[in-house]
PDB file of N, CA and C in Angstrom:
ATOM      1  N   MET A   1       2.004  17.889  12.514  1.00  0.00           N
ATOM      2  CA  MET A   1       0.782  17.142  12.722  1.00  0.00           C
ATOM      3  C   MET A   1      -0.438  17.969  12.322  1.00  0.00           C
ATOM      4  N   GLU A   2      -0.352  19.276  12.423  1.00  0.00           N
ATOM      5  CA  GLU A   2      -1.473  20.126  12.019  1.00  0.00           C
ATOM      6  C   GLU A   2      -1.780  19.958  10.529  1.00  0.00           C
ATOM      7  N   THR A   3      -0.739  19.804   9.721  1.00  0.00           N
ATOM      8  CA  THR A   3      -0.938  19.594   8.282  1.00  0.00           C
ATOM      9  C   THR A   3      -1.661  18.286   8.039  1.00  0.00           C
ATOM     10  N   ILE A   4      -1.285  17.249   8.760  1.00  0.00           N
ATOM     11  CA  ILE A   4      -1.922  15.945   8.610  1.00  0.00           C
ATOM     12  C   ILE A   4      -3.394  16.040   8.999  1.00  0.00           C
ATOM     13  N   LYS A   5      -3.674  16.690  10.112  1.00  0.00           N
ATOM     14  CA  LYS A   5      -5.064  16.867  10.539  1.00  0.00           C
ATOM     15  C   LYS A   5      -5.860  17.634   9.489  1.00  0.00           C
ATOM     16  N   PHE A   6      -5.224  18.617   8.871  1.00  0.00           N
ATOM     17  CA  PHE A   6      -5.875  19.396   7.824  1.00  0.00           C
ATOM     18  C   PHE A   6      -6.229  18.518   6.627  1.00  0.00           C
ATOM     19  N   LEU A   7      -5.322  17.621   6.239  1.00  0.00           N
ATOM     20  CA  LEU A   7      -5.590  16.718   5.114  1.00  0.00           C
ATOM     21  C   LEU A   7      -6.790  15.822   5.397  1.00  0.00           C
ATOM     22  N   ILE A   8      -6.893  15.376   6.637  1.00  0.00           N
ATOM     23  CA  ILE A   8      -8.030  14.534   7.000  1.00  0.00           C
ATOM     24  C   ILE A   8      -9.319  15.340   6.948  1.00  0.00           C
ATOM     25  N   VAL A   9      -9.269  16.570   7.421  1.00  0.00           N
ATOM     26  CA  VAL A   9     -10.447  17.437   7.388  1.00  0.00           C
ATOM     27  C   VAL A   9     -10.900  17.654   5.942  1.00  0.00           C
ATOM     28  N   LEU A  10      -9.949  17.754   5.033  1.00  0.00           N
ATOM     29  CA  LEU A  10     -10.308  17.937   3.624  1.00  0.00           C
ATOM     30  C   LEU A  10     -11.076  16.749   3.062  1.00  0.00           C
ATOM     31  N   GLY A  11     -11.010  15.640   3.745  1.00  0.00           N
ATOM     32  CA  GLY A  11     -11.775  14.478   3.293  1.00  0.00           C
ATOM     33  C   GLY A  11     -11.049  13.653   2.266  1.00  0.00           C
ATOM     34  N   LYS A  12     -10.002  13.003   2.696  1.00  0.00           N
ATOM     35  CA  LYS A  12      -9.266  12.094   1.829  1.00  0.00           C
ATOM     36  C   LYS A  12      -8.739  12.806   0.598  1.00  0.00           C
ATOM     37  N   ALA A  13      -8.057  13.898   0.814  1.00  0.00           N
ATOM     38  CA  ALA A  13      -7.481  14.687  -0.271  1.00  0.00           C
ATOM     39  C   ALA A  13      -6.611  13.813  -1.156  1.00  0.00           C
ATOM     40  N   LYS A  14      -6.639  14.094  -2.454  1.00  0.00           N
ATOM     41  CA  LYS A  14      -5.881  13.313  -3.421  1.00  0.00           C
ATOM     42  C   LYS A  14      -5.067  14.237  -4.315  1.00  0.00           C
ATOM     43  N   THR A  15      -3.939  13.713  -4.797  1.00  0.00           N
ATOM     44  CA  THR A  15      -3.152  14.447  -5.781  1.00  0.00           C
ATOM     45  C   THR A  15      -3.832  14.319  -7.129  1.00  0.00           C
ATOM     46  N   LYS A  16      -3.309  15.016  -8.132  1.00  0.00           N
ATOM     47  CA  LYS A  16      -3.905  14.908  -9.473  1.00  0.00           C
ATOM     48  C   LYS A  16      -3.796  13.487 -10.024  1.00  0.00           C
ATOM     49  N   GLU A  17      -2.824  12.700  -9.510  1.00  0.00           N
ATOM     50  CA  GLU A  17      -2.677  11.305  -9.923  1.00  0.00           C
ATOM     51  C   GLU A  17      -3.593  10.375  -9.130  1.00  0.00           C
ATOM     52  N   GLY A  18      -4.285  10.938  -8.151  1.00  0.00           N
ATOM     53  CA  GLY A  18      -5.207  10.147  -7.351  1.00  0.00           C
ATOM     54  C   GLY A  18      -4.602   9.533  -6.105  1.00  0.00           C
ATOM     55  N   TYR A  19      -3.383   9.923  -5.764  1.00  0.00           N
ATOM     56  CA  TYR A  19      -2.766   9.397  -4.550  1.00  0.00           C
ATOM     57  C   TYR A  19      -3.270  10.156  -3.330  1.00  0.00           C
ATOM     58  N   THR A  20      -3.456   9.419  -2.251  1.00  0.00           N
ATOM     59  CA  THR A  20      -3.907  10.019  -1.004  1.00  0.00           C
ATOM     60  C   THR A  20      -2.704  10.310  -0.106  1.00  0.00           C
ATOM     61  N   ALA A  21      -2.972  11.025   0.972  1.00  0.00           N
ATOM     62  CA  ALA A  21      -1.926  11.303   1.952  1.00  0.00           C
ATOM     63  C   ALA A  21      -1.432  10.009   2.583  1.00  0.00           C
ATOM     64  N   LEU A  22      -2.297   9.011   2.689  1.00  0.00           N
ATOM     65  CA  LEU A  22      -1.881   7.715   3.219  1.00  0.00           C
ATOM     66  C   LEU A  22      -0.826   7.089   2.312  1.00  0.00           C
ATOM     67  N   VAL A  23      -1.038   7.131   1.019  1.00  0.00           N
ATOM     68  CA  VAL A  23      -0.058   6.587   0.077  1.00  0.00           C
ATOM     69  C   VAL A  23       1.263   7.353   0.192  1.00  0.00           C
ATOM     70  N   ALA A  24       1.169   8.670   0.326  1.00  0.00           N
ATOM     71  CA  ALA A  24       2.382   9.485   0.477  1.00  0.00           C
ATOM     72  C   ALA A  24       3.132   9.091   1.747  1.00  0.00           C
ATOM     73  N   ALA A  25       2.403   8.855   2.827  1.00  0.00           N
ATOM     74  CA  ALA A  25       3.046   8.447   4.079  1.00  0.00           C
ATOM     75  C   ALA A  25       3.696   7.078   3.934  1.00  0.00           C
ATOM     76  N   ALA A  26       3.013   6.143   3.269  1.00  0.00           N
ATOM     77  CA  ALA A  26       3.585   4.813   3.034  1.00  0.00           C
ATOM     78  C   ALA A  26       4.817   4.919   2.147  1.00  0.00           C
ATOM     79  N   ASN A  27       4.729   5.742   1.135  1.00  0.00           N
ATOM     80  CA  ASN A  27       5.853   5.941   0.213  1.00  0.00           C
ATOM     81  C   ASN A  27       7.066   6.528   0.936  1.00  0.00           C
ATOM     82  N   GLY A  28       6.805   7.409   1.876  1.00  0.00           N
ATOM     83  CA  GLY A  28       7.882   8.037   2.626  1.00  0.00           C
ATOM     84  C   GLY A  28       8.358   7.223   3.821  1.00  0.00           C
ATOM     85  N   GLY A  29       7.709   6.093   4.084  1.00  0.00           N
ATOM     86  CA  GLY A  29       8.105   5.240   5.190  1.00  0.00           C
ATOM     87  C   GLY A  29       7.774   5.803   6.561  1.00  0.00           C
ATOM     88  N   ASN A  30       6.774   6.687   6.617  1.00  0.00           N
ATOM     89  CA  ASN A  30       6.427   7.327   7.876  1.00  0.00           C
ATOM     90  C   ASN A  30       5.329   6.539   8.589  1.00  0.00           C
ATOM     91  N   ILE A  31       5.733   5.558   9.367  1.00  0.00           N
ATOM     92  CA  ILE A  31       4.783   4.661  10.015  1.00  0.00           C
ATOM     93  C   ILE A  31       3.885   5.375  11.020  1.00  0.00           C
ATOM     94  N   GLU A  32       4.399   6.393  11.691  1.00  0.00           N
ATOM     95  CA  GLU A  32       3.573   7.109  12.671  1.00  0.00           C
ATOM     96  C   GLU A  32       2.412   7.829  11.990  1.00  0.00           C
ATOM     97  N   VAL A  33       2.675   8.387  10.830  1.00  0.00           N
ATOM     98  CA  VAL A  33       1.603   9.051  10.078  1.00  0.00           C
ATOM     99  C   VAL A  33       0.618   8.019   9.551  1.00  0.00           C
ATOM    100  N   VAL A  34       1.114   6.881   9.063  1.00  0.00           N
ATOM    101  CA  VAL A  34       0.228   5.805   8.600  1.00  0.00           C
ATOM    102  C   VAL A  34      -0.665   5.344   9.748  1.00  0.00           C
ATOM    103  N   LYS A  35      -0.085   5.141  10.930  1.00  0.00           N
ATOM    104  CA  LYS A  35      -0.877   4.752  12.105  1.00  0.00           C
ATOM    105  C   LYS A  35      -1.959   5.790  12.403  1.00  0.00           C
ATOM    106  N   TYR A  36      -1.599   7.053  12.335  1.00  0.00           N
ATOM    107  CA  TYR A  36      -2.550   8.121  12.618  1.00  0.00           C
ATOM    108  C   TYR A  36      -3.708   8.095  11.624  1.00  0.00           C
ATOM    109  N   PHE A  37      -3.395   7.937  10.334  1.00  0.00           N
ATOM    110  CA  PHE A  37      -4.454   7.888   9.319  1.00  0.00           C
ATOM    111  C   PHE A  37      -5.380   6.700   9.557  1.00  0.00           C
ATOM    112  N   ILE A  38      -4.812   5.551   9.885  1.00  0.00           N
ATOM    113  CA  ILE A  38      -5.642   4.374  10.160  1.00  0.00           C
ATOM    114  C   ILE A  38      -6.557   4.644  11.354  1.00  0.00           C
ATOM    115  N   LYS A  39      -6.008   5.222  12.387  1.00  0.00           N
ATOM    116  CA  LYS A  39      -6.799   5.549  13.582  1.00  0.00           C
ATOM    117  C   LYS A  39      -7.935   6.512  13.241  1.00  0.00           C
ATOM    118  N   GLN A  40      -7.696   7.397  12.275  1.00  0.00           N
ATOM    119  CA  GLN A  40      -8.713   8.370  11.876  1.00  0.00           C
ATOM    120  C   GLN A  40      -9.732   7.794  10.890  1.00  0.00           C
ATOM    121  N   GLY A  41      -9.551   6.542  10.494  1.00  0.00           N
ATOM    122  CA  GLY A  41     -10.526   5.890   9.621  1.00  0.00           C
ATOM    123  C   GLY A  41     -10.327   6.116   8.134  1.00  0.00           C
ATOM    124  N   ILE A  42      -9.137   6.540   7.741  1.00  0.00           N
ATOM    125  CA  ILE A  42      -8.855   6.701   6.307  1.00  0.00           C
ATOM    126  C   ILE A  42      -8.998   5.342   5.627  1.00  0.00           C
ATOM    127  N   ASP A  43      -9.553   5.315   4.435  1.00  0.00           N
ATOM    128  CA  ASP A  43      -9.769   4.076   3.690  1.00  0.00           C
ATOM    129  C   ASP A  43      -8.427   3.499   3.242  1.00  0.00           C
ATOM    130  N   ILE A  44      -7.990   2.423   3.877  1.00  0.00           N
ATOM    131  CA  ILE A  44      -6.695   1.842   3.514  1.00  0.00           C
ATOM    132  C   ILE A  44      -6.791   0.925   2.306  1.00  0.00           C
ATOM    133  N   THR A  45      -8.000   0.667   1.821  1.00  0.00           N
ATOM    134  CA  THR A  45      -8.157  -0.163   0.629  1.00  0.00           C
ATOM    135  C   THR A  45      -8.243   0.672  -0.646  1.00  0.00           C
ATOM    136  N   TYR A  46      -8.237   1.998  -0.500  1.00  0.00           N
ATOM    137  CA  TYR A  46      -8.362   2.885  -1.656  1.00  0.00           C
ATOM    138  C   TYR A  46      -7.275   2.612  -2.685  1.00  0.00           C
ATOM    139  N   GLN A  47      -7.683   2.577  -3.959  1.00  0.00           N
ATOM    140  CA  GLN A  47      -6.752   2.450  -5.076  1.00  0.00           C
ATOM    141  C   GLN A  47      -6.973   3.628  -6.009  1.00  0.00           C
ATOM    142  N   ASN A  48      -5.887   4.216  -6.490  1.00  0.00           N
ATOM    143  CA  ASN A  48      -6.031   5.341  -7.407  1.00  0.00           C
ATOM    144  C   ASN A  48      -6.464   4.851  -8.780  1.00  0.00           C
ATOM    145  N   SER A  49      -6.541   5.736  -9.754  1.00  0.00           N
ATOM    146  CA  SER A  49      -7.044   5.369 -11.078  1.00  0.00           C
ATOM    147  C   SER A  49      -6.173   4.323 -11.768  1.00  0.00           C
ATOM    148  N   ALA A  50      -4.917   4.207 -11.366  1.00  0.00           N
ATOM    149  CA  ALA A  50      -4.024   3.180 -11.916  1.00  0.00           C
ATOM    150  C   ALA A  50      -4.067   1.903 -11.071  1.00  0.00           C
ATOM    151  N   GLY A  51      -4.854   1.927 -10.014  1.00  0.00           N
ATOM    152  CA  GLY A  51      -5.029   0.746  -9.190  1.00  0.00           C
ATOM    153  C   GLY A  51      -4.024   0.580  -8.075  1.00  0.00           C
ATOM    154  N   TYR A  52      -3.182   1.574  -7.850  1.00  0.00           N
ATOM    155  CA  TYR A  52      -2.181   1.472  -6.788  1.00  0.00           C
ATOM    156  C   TYR A  52      -2.775   1.807  -5.425  1.00  0.00           C
ATOM    157  N   SER A  53      -2.383   1.013  -4.432  1.00  0.00           N
ATOM    158  CA  SER A  53      -2.821   1.220  -3.049  1.00  0.00           C
ATOM    159  C   SER A  53      -1.605   1.488  -2.167  1.00  0.00           C
ATOM    160  N   ALA A  54      -1.874   1.901  -0.952  1.00  0.00           N
ATOM    161  CA  ALA A  54      -0.789   2.123   0.008  1.00  0.00           C
ATOM    162  C   ALA A  54      -0.021   0.822   0.254  1.00  0.00           C
ATOM    163  N   LEU A  55      -0.733  -0.307   0.277  1.00  0.00           N
ATOM    164  CA  LEU A  55      -0.064  -1.591   0.496  1.00  0.00           C
ATOM    165  C   LEU A  55       0.895  -1.908  -0.645  1.00  0.00           C
ATOM    166  N   MET A  56       0.484  -1.664  -1.863  1.00  0.00           N
ATOM    167  CA  MET A  56       1.372  -1.924  -3.003  1.00  0.00           C
ATOM    168  C   MET A  56       2.642  -1.084  -2.898  1.00  0.00           C
ATOM    169  N   ILE A  57       2.466   0.169  -2.501  1.00  0.00           N
ATOM    170  CA  ILE A  57       3.623   1.057  -2.365  1.00  0.00           C
ATOM    171  C   ILE A  57       4.542   0.571  -1.251  1.00  0.00           C
ATOM    172  N   ALA A  58       3.972   0.219  -0.107  1.00  0.00           N
ATOM    173  CA  ALA A  58       4.779  -0.257   1.027  1.00  0.00           C
ATOM    174  C   ALA A  58       5.520  -1.543   0.661  1.00  0.00           C
ATOM    175  N   ALA A  59       4.831  -2.454  -0.025  1.00  0.00           N
ATOM    176  CA  ALA A  59       5.462  -3.721  -0.423  1.00  0.00           C
ATOM    177  C   ALA A  59       6.571  -3.464  -1.444  1.00  0.00           C
ATOM    178  N   GLU A  60       6.301  -2.580  -2.381  1.00  0.00           N
ATOM    179  CA  GLU A  60       7.303  -2.245  -3.396  1.00  0.00           C
ATOM    180  C   GLU A  60       8.543  -1.616  -2.753  1.00  0.00           C
ATOM    181  N   LYS A  61       8.330  -0.840  -1.712  1.00  0.00           N
ATOM    182  CA  LYS A  61       9.431  -0.205  -0.981  1.00  0.00           C
ATOM    183  C   LYS A  61      10.088  -1.176   0.008  1.00  0.00           C
ATOM    184  N   ASN A  62       9.543  -2.390   0.091  1.00  0.00           N
ATOM    185  CA  ASN A  62      10.035  -3.404   1.026  1.00  0.00           C
ATOM    186  C   ASN A  62       9.993  -2.918   2.468  1.00  0.00           C
ATOM    187  N   ASP A  63       8.944  -2.187   2.802  1.00  0.00           N
ATOM    188  CA  ASP A  63       8.770  -1.689   4.161  1.00  0.00           C
ATOM    189  C   ASP A  63       7.901  -2.679   4.931  1.00  0.00           C
ATOM    190  N   ILE A  64       8.544  -3.593   5.638  1.00  0.00           N
ATOM    191  CA  ILE A  64       7.829  -4.647   6.343  1.00  0.00           C
ATOM    192  C   ILE A  64       6.917  -4.094   7.429  1.00  0.00           C
ATOM    193  N   ASN A  65       7.333  -3.051   8.109  1.00  0.00           N
ATOM    194  CA  ASN A  65       6.518  -2.517   9.196  1.00  0.00           C
ATOM    195  C   ASN A  65       5.214  -1.900   8.692  1.00  0.00           C
ATOM    196  N   ILE A  66       5.284  -1.104   7.644  1.00  0.00           N
ATOM    197  CA  ILE A  66       4.060  -0.512   7.092  1.00  0.00           C
ATOM    198  C   ILE A  66       3.232  -1.574   6.391  1.00  0.00           C
ATOM    199  N   THR A  67       3.886  -2.513   5.720  1.00  0.00           N
ATOM    200  CA  THR A  67       3.154  -3.612   5.087  1.00  0.00           C
ATOM    201  C   THR A  67       2.346  -4.368   6.133  1.00  0.00           C
ATOM    202  N   LYS A  68       2.970  -4.727   7.242  1.00  0.00           N
ATOM    203  CA  LYS A  68       2.266  -5.440   8.318  1.00  0.00           C
ATOM    204  C   LYS A  68       1.125  -4.610   8.882  1.00  0.00           C
ATOM    205  N   LEU A  69       1.384  -3.346   9.127  1.00  0.00           N
ATOM    206  CA  LEU A  69       0.370  -2.457   9.688  1.00  0.00           C
ATOM    207  C   LEU A  69      -0.858  -2.394   8.781  1.00  0.00           C
ATOM    208  N   LEU A  70      -0.641  -2.219   7.503  1.00  0.00           N
ATOM    209  CA  LEU A  70      -1.759  -2.122   6.556  1.00  0.00           C
ATOM    210  C   LEU A  70      -2.527  -3.436   6.460  1.00  0.00           C
ATOM    211  N   VAL A  71      -1.815  -4.543   6.323  1.00  0.00           N
ATOM    212  CA  VAL A  71      -2.481  -5.852   6.221  1.00  0.00           C
ATOM    213  C   VAL A  71      -3.249  -6.158   7.503  1.00  0.00           C
ATOM    214  N   ASN A  72      -2.635  -5.914   8.637  1.00  0.00           N
ATOM    215  CA  ASN A  72      -3.295  -6.206   9.916  1.00  0.00           C
ATOM    216  C   ASN A  72      -4.507  -5.315  10.172  1.00  0.00           C
ATOM    217  N   ASN A  73      -4.646  -4.251   9.387  1.00  0.00           N
ATOM    218  CA  ASN A  73      -5.800  -3.362   9.527  1.00  0.00           C
ATOM    219  C   ASN A  73      -6.765  -3.456   8.351  1.00  0.00           C
ATOM    220  N   GLY A  74      -6.620  -4.501   7.541  1.00  0.00           N
ATOM    221  CA  GLY A  74      -7.617  -4.781   6.517  1.00  0.00           C
ATOM    222  C   GLY A  74      -7.279  -4.458   5.085  1.00  0.00           C
ATOM    223  N   ALA A  75      -6.028  -4.125   4.786  1.00  0.00           N
ATOM    224  CA  ALA A  75      -5.667  -3.872   3.387  1.00  0.00           C
ATOM    225  C   ALA A  75      -5.857  -5.150   2.572  1.00  0.00           C
ATOM    226  N   ASN A  76      -6.280  -5.001   1.342  1.00  0.00           N
ATOM    227  CA  ASN A  76      -6.545  -6.132   0.452  1.00  0.00           C
ATOM    228  C   ASN A  76      -5.236  -6.631  -0.165  1.00  0.00           C
ATOM    229  N   VAL A  77      -4.765  -7.791   0.280  1.00  0.00           N
ATOM    230  CA  VAL A  77      -3.493  -8.325  -0.213  1.00  0.00           C
ATOM    231  C   VAL A  77      -3.571  -8.790  -1.659  1.00  0.00           C
ATOM    232  N   ASN A  78      -4.773  -8.997  -2.169  1.00  0.00           N
ATOM    233  CA  ASN A  78      -4.933  -9.486  -3.541  1.00  0.00           C
ATOM    234  C   ASN A  78      -5.426  -8.429  -4.520  1.00  0.00           C
ATOM    235  N   ALA A  79      -5.481  -7.180  -4.092  1.00  0.00           N
ATOM    236  CA  ALA A  79      -5.891  -6.108  -5.007  1.00  0.00           C
ATOM    237  C   ALA A  79      -4.889  -6.026  -6.149  1.00  0.00           C
ATOM    238  N   LYS A  80      -5.399  -5.698  -7.338  1.00  0.00           N
ATOM    239  CA  LYS A  80      -4.542  -5.602  -8.526  1.00  0.00           C
ATOM    240  C   LYS A  80      -4.535  -4.166  -9.038  1.00  0.00           C
ATOM    241  N   ASN A  81      -3.391  -3.759  -9.571  1.00  0.00           N
ATOM    242  CA  ASN A  81      -3.334  -2.451 -10.224  1.00  0.00           C
ATOM    243  C   ASN A  81      -3.784  -2.602 -11.682  1.00  0.00           C
ATOM    244  N   TYR A  82      -3.643  -1.554 -12.475  1.00  0.00           N
ATOM    245  CA  TYR A  82      -4.184  -1.543 -13.833  1.00  0.00           C
ATOM    246  C   TYR A  82      -3.554  -2.579 -14.760  1.00  0.00           C
ATOM    247  N   ILE A  83      -2.363  -3.060 -14.444  1.00  0.00           N
ATOM    248  CA  ILE A  83      -1.758  -4.094 -15.292  1.00  0.00           C
ATOM    249  C   ILE A  83      -1.827  -5.474 -14.646  1.00  0.00           C
ATOM    250  N   GLY A  84      -2.512  -5.567 -13.518  1.00  0.00           N
ATOM    251  CA  GLY A  84      -2.723  -6.855 -12.881  1.00  0.00           C
ATOM    252  C   GLY A  84      -1.714  -7.233 -11.820  1.00  0.00           C
ATOM    253  N   SER A  85      -0.844  -6.309 -11.421  1.00  0.00           N
ATOM    254  CA  SER A  85       0.139  -6.598 -10.376  1.00  0.00           C
ATOM    255  C   SER A  85      -0.490  -6.463  -8.992  1.00  0.00           C
ATOM    256  N   THR A  86      -0.077  -7.334  -8.094  1.00  0.00           N
ATOM    257  CA  THR A  86      -0.507  -7.295  -6.705  1.00  0.00           C
ATOM    258  C   THR A  86       0.640  -6.765  -5.841  1.00  0.00           C
ATOM    259  N   ALA A  87       0.375  -6.597  -4.555  1.00  0.00           N
ATOM    260  CA  ALA A  87       1.421  -6.154  -3.630  1.00  0.00           C
ATOM    261  C   ALA A  87       2.587  -7.145  -3.630  1.00  0.00           C
ATOM    262  N   LEU A  88       2.277  -8.439  -3.678  1.00  0.00           N
ATOM    263  CA  LEU A  88       3.328  -9.454  -3.715  1.00  0.00           C
ATOM    264  C   LEU A  88       4.202  -9.273  -4.958  1.00  0.00           C
ATOM    265  N   MET A  89       3.580  -9.069  -6.086  1.00  0.00           N
ATOM    266  CA  MET A  89       4.337  -8.878  -7.324  1.00  0.00           C
ATOM    267  C   MET A  89       5.195  -7.617  -7.266  1.00  0.00           C
ATOM    268  N   LYS A  90       4.646  -6.547  -6.667  1.00  0.00           N
ATOM    269  CA  LYS A  90       5.417  -5.302  -6.542  1.00  0.00           C
ATOM    270  C   LYS A  90       6.636  -5.523  -5.638  1.00  0.00           C
ATOM    271  N   ALA A  91       6.472  -6.310  -4.577  1.00  0.00           N
ATOM    272  CA  ALA A  91       7.598  -6.597  -3.681  1.00  0.00           C
ATOM    273  C   ALA A  91       8.682  -7.378  -4.409  1.00  0.00           C
ATOM    274  N   VAL A  92       8.281  -8.359  -5.187  1.00  0.00           N
ATOM    275  CA  VAL A  92       9.235  -9.214  -5.890  1.00  0.00           C
ATOM    276  C   VAL A  92       9.921  -8.459  -7.032  1.00  0.00           C
ATOM    277  N   GLU A  93       9.209  -7.527  -7.659  1.00  0.00           N
ATOM    278  CA  GLU A  93       9.777  -6.761  -8.770  1.00  0.00           C
ATOM    279  C   GLU A  93      10.921  -5.845  -8.335  1.00  0.00           C
ATOM    280  N   ASN A  94      10.929  -5.476  -7.073  1.00  0.00           N
ATOM    281  CA  ASN A  94      11.959  -4.568  -6.570  1.00  0.00           C
ATOM    282  C   ASN A  94      13.307  -5.268  -6.596  1.00  0.00           C
ATOM    283  N   SER A  95      14.302  -4.608  -7.137  1.00  0.00           N
ATOM    284  CA  SER A  95      15.633  -5.222  -7.237  1.00  0.00           C
ATOM    285  C   SER A  95      16.247  -5.497  -5.867  1.00  0.00           C
ATOM    286  N   ARG A  96      15.734  -4.839  -4.839  1.00  0.00           N
ATOM    287  CA  ARG A  96      16.205  -5.078  -3.468  1.00  0.00           C
ATOM    288  C   ARG A  96      15.146  -5.826  -2.669  1.00  0.00           C
ATOM    289  N   CYS A  97      14.511  -6.771  -3.313  1.00  0.00           N
ATOM    290  CA  CYS A  97      13.424  -7.541  -2.704  1.00  0.00           C
ATOM    291  C   CYS A  97      13.831  -8.084  -1.337  1.00  0.00           C
ATOM    292  N   GLN A  98      12.962  -7.862  -0.356  1.00  0.00           N
ATOM    293  CA  GLN A  98      13.178  -8.373   0.992  1.00  0.00           C
ATOM    294  C   GLN A  98      12.265  -9.584   1.199  1.00  0.00           C
ATOM    295  N   LEU A  99      12.854 -10.720   1.460  1.00  0.00           N
ATOM    296  CA  LEU A  99      12.049 -11.926   1.599  1.00  0.00           C
ATOM    297  C   LEU A  99      11.081 -11.864   2.767  1.00  0.00           C
ATOM    298  N   ASN A 100      11.372 -11.035   3.780  1.00  0.00           N
ATOM    299  CA  ASN A 100      10.438 -10.935   4.900  1.00  0.00           C
ATOM    300  C   ASN A 100       9.109 -10.334   4.467  1.00  0.00           C
ATOM    301  N   VAL A 101       9.118  -9.407   3.517  1.00  0.00           N
ATOM    302  CA  VAL A 101       7.875  -8.827   2.997  1.00  0.00           C
ATOM    303  C   VAL A 101       7.125  -9.881   2.204  1.00  0.00           C
ATOM    304  N   VAL A 102       7.830 -10.589   1.331  1.00  0.00           N
ATOM    305  CA  VAL A 102       7.214 -11.644   0.521  1.00  0.00           C
ATOM    306  C   VAL A 102       6.614 -12.715   1.425  1.00  0.00           C
ATOM    307  N   LYS A 103       7.385 -13.178   2.391  1.00  0.00           N
ATOM    308  CA  LYS A 103       6.913 -14.213   3.311  1.00  0.00           C
ATOM    309  C   LYS A 103       5.675 -13.749   4.075  1.00  0.00           C
ATOM    310  N   PHE A 104       5.703 -12.528   4.573  1.00  0.00           N
ATOM    311  CA  PHE A 104       4.560 -12.010   5.316  1.00  0.00           C
ATOM    312  C   PHE A 104       3.309 -11.967   4.436  1.00  0.00           C
ATOM    313  N   LEU A 105       3.440 -11.480   3.217  1.00  0.00           N
ATOM    314  CA  LEU A 105       2.283 -11.408   2.321  1.00  0.00           C
ATOM    315  C   LEU A 105       1.730 -12.800   2.019  1.00  0.00           C
ATOM    316  N   VAL A 106       2.610 -13.750   1.762  1.00  0.00           N
ATOM    317  CA  VAL A 106       2.168 -15.123   1.482  1.00  0.00           C
ATOM    318  C   VAL A 106       1.486 -15.722   2.702  1.00  0.00           C
ATOM    319  N   GLU A 107       2.042 -15.489   3.872  1.00  0.00           N
ATOM    320  CA  GLU A 107       1.451 -16.020   5.108  1.00  0.00           C
ATOM    321  C   GLU A 107       0.120 -15.360   5.454  1.00  0.00           C
ATOM    322  N   ASN A 108      -0.190 -14.256   4.795  1.00  0.00           N
ATOM    323  CA  ASN A 108      -1.431 -13.535   5.081  1.00  0.00           C
ATOM    324  C   ASN A 108      -2.402 -13.577   3.913  1.00  0.00           C
ATOM    325  N   ASN A 109      -2.503 -14.760   3.344  1.00  0.00           N
ATOM    326  CA  ASN A 109      -3.540 -15.102   2.365  1.00  0.00           C
ATOM    327  C   ASN A 109      -3.395 -14.449   0.996  1.00  0.00           C
ATOM    328  N   THR A 110      -2.186 -14.051   0.626  1.00  0.00           N
ATOM    329  CA  THR A 110      -1.989 -13.578  -0.732  1.00  0.00           C
ATOM    330  C   THR A 110      -2.150 -14.764  -1.667  1.00  0.00           C
ATOM    331  N   ASP A 111      -2.911 -14.573  -2.723  1.00  0.00           N
ATOM    332  CA  ASP A 111      -3.110 -15.626  -3.717  1.00  0.00           C
ATOM    333  C   ASP A 111      -1.860 -15.706  -4.587  1.00  0.00           C
ATOM    334  N   VAL A 112      -1.088 -16.758  -4.402  1.00  0.00           N
ATOM    335  CA  VAL A 112       0.152 -16.912  -5.171  1.00  0.00           C
ATOM    336  C   VAL A 112      -0.114 -17.466  -6.561  1.00  0.00           C
ATOM    337  N   ASN A 113      -1.367 -17.762  -6.870  1.00  0.00           N
ATOM    338  CA  ASN A 113      -1.719 -18.305  -8.184  1.00  0.00           C
ATOM    339  C   ASN A 113      -2.261 -17.256  -9.147  1.00  0.00           C
ATOM    340  N   ILE A 114      -2.271 -16.011  -8.739  1.00  0.00           N
ATOM    341  CA  ILE A 114      -2.686 -14.953  -9.656  1.00  0.00           C
ATOM    342  C   ILE A 114      -1.624 -14.856 -10.744  1.00  0.00           C
ATOM    343  N   PRO A 115      -2.030 -14.897 -12.006  1.00  0.00           N
ATOM    344  CA  PRO A 115      -1.035 -14.836 -13.088  1.00  0.00           C
ATOM    345  C   PRO A 115      -0.218 -13.545 -13.019  1.00  0.00           C
ATOM    346  N   VAL A 116       1.048 -13.666 -13.327  1.00  0.00           N
ATOM    347  CA  VAL A 116       1.941 -12.515 -13.351  1.00  0.00           C
ATOM    348  C   VAL A 116       1.519 -11.591 -14.489  1.00  0.00           C
ATOM    349  N   ALA A 117       1.485 -10.305 -14.181  1.00  0.00           N
ATOM    350  CA  ALA A 117       1.105  -9.309 -15.190  1.00  0.00           C
ATOM    351  C   ALA A 117       2.144  -9.270 -16.300  1.00  0.00           C
ATOM    352  N   ASN A 118       1.670  -9.068 -17.519  1.00  0.00           N
ATOM    353  CA  ASN A 118       2.562  -8.927 -18.660  1.00  0.00           C
ATOM    354  C   ASN A 118       2.886  -7.453 -18.832  1.00  0.00           C
ATOM    355  N   HIS A 119       4.106  -7.091 -18.536  1.00  0.00           N
ATOM    356  CA  HIS A 119       4.530  -5.692 -18.594  1.00  0.00           C
ATOM    357  C   HIS A 119       4.959  -5.259 -19.978  1.00  0.00           C
ATOM    358  N   PHE A 120       5.037  -6.157 -20.893  1.00  0.00           N
ATOM    359  CA  PHE A 120       5.587  -5.809 -22.211  1.00  0.00           C
ATOM    360  C   PHE A 120       4.554  -5.931 -23.298  1.00  0.00           C
TER     361      PHE A 120
END
């Protein structure tokens, strides 16, 4: 926990790719760390230079608990990355797509009419 507190003191430290410690926690499925960052006021809407947010990562990982936590604390369900993908699209793109993540995002005002990004 001392390392986490240190990252917060650094002021939203980012990797060279622009990922924050919050994104790393979401990527690793560490809900307790995500909760701690939210409590400390870390910007959960932050997107790196490629447009990826913690919510997109959680949805892509099909982590319903972190997805719910982020959305319930103000994450933008309609944010787009650099190619136009949203958290919903990232969840569906995963070969192990969990319908509970998709359903939750749709039930929480995700715009299902955003055109699908062209990856090719």
